Amino acid sequence: MAGPMDSVGRAAKANMLLIVECGHCYHVGRFRANDVAKVVGWNKPLETIRFRCKRCSRTNTMVKTQFIDQDHPPKGYIWVLQKFKL
């Protein structure tokens, strides 16, 4: 048991996905918690992370966590952090 997911770092340590749903148009995005933690910080509480909806550009989003089952990966696109070369 991983315990309560109160920060991005705890979710990343448990190898979880962040499921972000727009409260206006109900568009859903999936992000690996490890990638989000690299961007916003490891101690950032889940309820304070601000995502912008890709469809309607609103910031009224709700964040949930989901375990990644290696045998049955979730359907849909998972956003992955890309490293750029300069």
C-alpha atoms as a PDB file:
ATOM      1  CA  MET A   1       0.000   0.000   0.000  1.00  0.00           C
ATOM      2  CA  ALA A   2       1.394   3.369  -0.982  1.00  0.00           C
ATOM      3  CA  GLY A   3      -0.563   5.508   1.480  1.00  0.00           C
ATOM      4  CA  PRO A   4      -2.364   8.761   0.736  1.00  0.00           C
ATOM      5  CA  MET A   5      -1.132  10.597  -2.325  1.00  0.00           C
ATOM      6  CA  ASP A   6      -0.775  14.125  -1.020  1.00  0.00           C
ATOM      7  CA  SER A   7       2.156  15.206  -3.214  1.00  0.00           C
ATOM      8  CA  VAL A   8       3.507  14.603  -6.680  1.00  0.00           C
ATOM      9  CA  GLY A   9       6.633  13.015  -5.204  1.00  0.00           C
ATOM     10  CA  ARG A  10       4.673  10.339  -3.349  1.00  0.00           C
ATOM     11  CA  ALA A  11       2.733   9.502  -6.503  1.00  0.00           C
ATOM     12  CA  ALA A  12       5.968   9.368  -8.508  1.00  0.00           C
ATOM     13  CA  LYS A  13       7.606   7.092  -5.945  1.00  0.00           C
ATOM     14  CA  ALA A  14       4.611   4.729  -6.244  1.00  0.00           C
ATOM     15  CA  ASN A  15       4.918   4.811 -10.083  1.00  0.00           C
ATOM     16  CA  MET A  16       1.456   6.289 -10.635  1.00  0.00           C
ATOM     17  CA  LEU A  17      -0.350   8.177 -13.354  1.00  0.00           C
ATOM     18  CA  LEU A  18      -2.015  11.522 -12.803  1.00  0.00           C
ATOM     19  CA  ILE A  19      -5.437  11.594 -14.425  1.00  0.00           C
ATOM     20  CA  VAL A  20      -6.432  15.209 -15.094  1.00  0.00           C
ATOM     21  CA  GLU A  21     -10.047  15.942 -16.003  1.00  0.00           C
ATOM     22  CA  CYS A  22     -11.347  19.314 -17.152  1.00  0.00           C
ATOM     23  CA  GLY A  23     -14.326  20.475 -15.122  1.00  0.00           C
ATOM     24  CA  HIS A  24     -15.784  22.351 -18.089  1.00  0.00           C
ATOM     25  CA  CYS A  25     -15.521  20.064 -21.168  1.00  0.00           C
ATOM     26  CA  TYR A  26     -14.564  16.817 -19.355  1.00  0.00           C
ATOM     27  CA  HIS A  27     -11.463  16.260 -21.499  1.00  0.00           C
ATOM     28  CA  VAL A  28      -9.084  13.784 -19.800  1.00  0.00           C
ATOM     29  CA  GLY A  29      -5.289  13.828 -19.901  1.00  0.00           C
ATOM     30  CA  ARG A  30      -2.896  11.231 -18.483  1.00  0.00           C
ATOM     31  CA  PHE A  31       0.545  12.139 -17.162  1.00  0.00           C
ATOM     32  CA  ARG A  32       3.241  10.087 -15.474  1.00  0.00           C
ATOM     33  CA  ALA A  33       3.696  11.478 -11.970  1.00  0.00           C
ATOM     34  CA  ASN A  34       7.475  11.221 -12.318  1.00  0.00           C
ATOM     35  CA  ASP A  35       7.451  13.543 -15.360  1.00  0.00           C
ATOM     36  CA  VAL A  36       5.146  16.063 -13.687  1.00  0.00           C
ATOM     37  CA  ALA A  37       7.334  16.058 -10.554  1.00  0.00           C
ATOM     38  CA  LYS A  38      10.360  17.014 -12.651  1.00  0.00           C
ATOM     39  CA  VAL A  39       8.482  20.075 -13.910  1.00  0.00           C
ATOM     40  CA  VAL A  40       6.545  21.317 -10.852  1.00  0.00           C
ATOM     41  CA  GLY A  41       8.660  19.928  -8.005  1.00  0.00           C
ATOM     42  CA  TRP A  42       8.547  16.806  -5.878  1.00  0.00           C
ATOM     43  CA  ASN A  43       6.849  18.326  -2.814  1.00  0.00           C
ATOM     44  CA  LYS A  44       4.031  20.064  -4.695  1.00  0.00           C
ATOM     45  CA  PRO A  45       0.572  19.028  -3.400  1.00  0.00           C
ATOM     46  CA  LEU A  46      -1.660  17.467  -6.036  1.00  0.00           C
ATOM     47  CA  GLU A  47      -4.521  19.912  -5.483  1.00  0.00           C
ATOM     48  CA  THR A  48      -2.293  22.941  -6.155  1.00  0.00           C
ATOM     49  CA  ILE A  49      -1.011  21.840  -9.571  1.00  0.00           C
ATOM     50  CA  ARG A  50      -2.563  23.940 -12.329  1.00  0.00           C
ATOM     51  CA  PHE A  51      -3.163  22.259 -15.662  1.00  0.00           C
ATOM     52  CA  ARG A  52      -4.651  24.004 -18.690  1.00  0.00           C
ATOM     53  CA  CYS A  53      -7.157  22.052 -20.758  1.00  0.00           C
ATOM     54  CA  LYS A  54      -5.966  21.335 -24.285  1.00  0.00           C
ATOM     55  CA  ARG A  55      -9.477  21.709 -25.723  1.00  0.00           C
ATOM     56  CA  CYS A  56     -11.042  24.704 -23.976  1.00  0.00           C
ATOM     57  CA  SER A  57      -7.942  26.357 -22.395  1.00  0.00           C
ATOM     58  CA  ARG A  58      -9.562  26.580 -18.955  1.00  0.00           C
ATOM     59  CA  THR A  59      -7.745  25.774 -15.727  1.00  0.00           C
ATOM     60  CA  ASN A  60     -10.716  24.228 -13.903  1.00  0.00           C
ATOM     61  CA  THR A  61      -9.189  20.747 -13.585  1.00  0.00           C
ATOM     62  CA  MET A  62      -9.340  17.889 -11.097  1.00  0.00           C
ATOM     63  CA  VAL A  63      -6.342  15.597 -10.499  1.00  0.00           C
ATOM     64  CA  LYS A  64      -6.709  11.916  -9.560  1.00  0.00           C
ATOM     65  CA  THR A  65      -4.083   9.207  -9.222  1.00  0.00           C
ATOM     66  CA  GLN A  66      -4.032   5.748 -10.768  1.00  0.00           C
ATOM     67  CA  PHE A  67      -1.613   2.860 -10.376  1.00  0.00           C
ATOM     68  CA  ILE A  68       0.101   1.719 -13.571  1.00  0.00           C
ATOM     69  CA  ASP A  69      -0.525  -1.961 -14.190  1.00  0.00           C
ATOM     70  CA  GLN A  70       2.455  -3.211 -16.203  1.00  0.00           C
ATOM     71  CA  ASP A  71       0.440  -6.126 -17.645  1.00  0.00           C
ATOM     72  CA  HIS A  72      -2.481  -3.950 -18.742  1.00  0.00           C
ATOM     73  CA  PRO A  73      -1.334  -0.387 -19.501  1.00  0.00           C
ATOM     74  CA  PRO A  74      -4.098   2.253 -19.588  1.00  0.00           C
ATOM     75  CA  LYS A  75      -5.733   3.016 -22.898  1.00  0.00           C
ATOM     76  CA  GLY A  76      -5.185   6.447 -24.325  1.00  0.00           C
ATOM     77  CA  TYR A  77      -2.270   8.775 -24.785  1.00  0.00           C
ATOM     78  CA  ILE A  78       0.146   9.341 -21.897  1.00  0.00           C
ATOM     79  CA  TRP A  79       2.073  12.608 -21.976  1.00  0.00           C
ATOM     80  CA  VAL A  80       5.825  12.039 -21.669  1.00  0.00           C
ATOM     81  CA  LEU A  81       8.431  14.662 -20.816  1.00  0.00           C
ATOM     82  CA  GLN A  82      10.795  15.200 -23.764  1.00  0.00           C
ATOM     83  CA  LYS A  83      14.398  16.322 -23.397  1.00  0.00           C
ATOM     84  CA  PHE A  84      15.536  18.856 -25.947  1.00  0.00           C
ATOM     85  CA  LYS A  85      19.053  19.193 -27.266  1.00  0.00           C
ATOM     86  CA  LEU A  86      20.446  22.704 -27.618  1.00  0.00           C
END
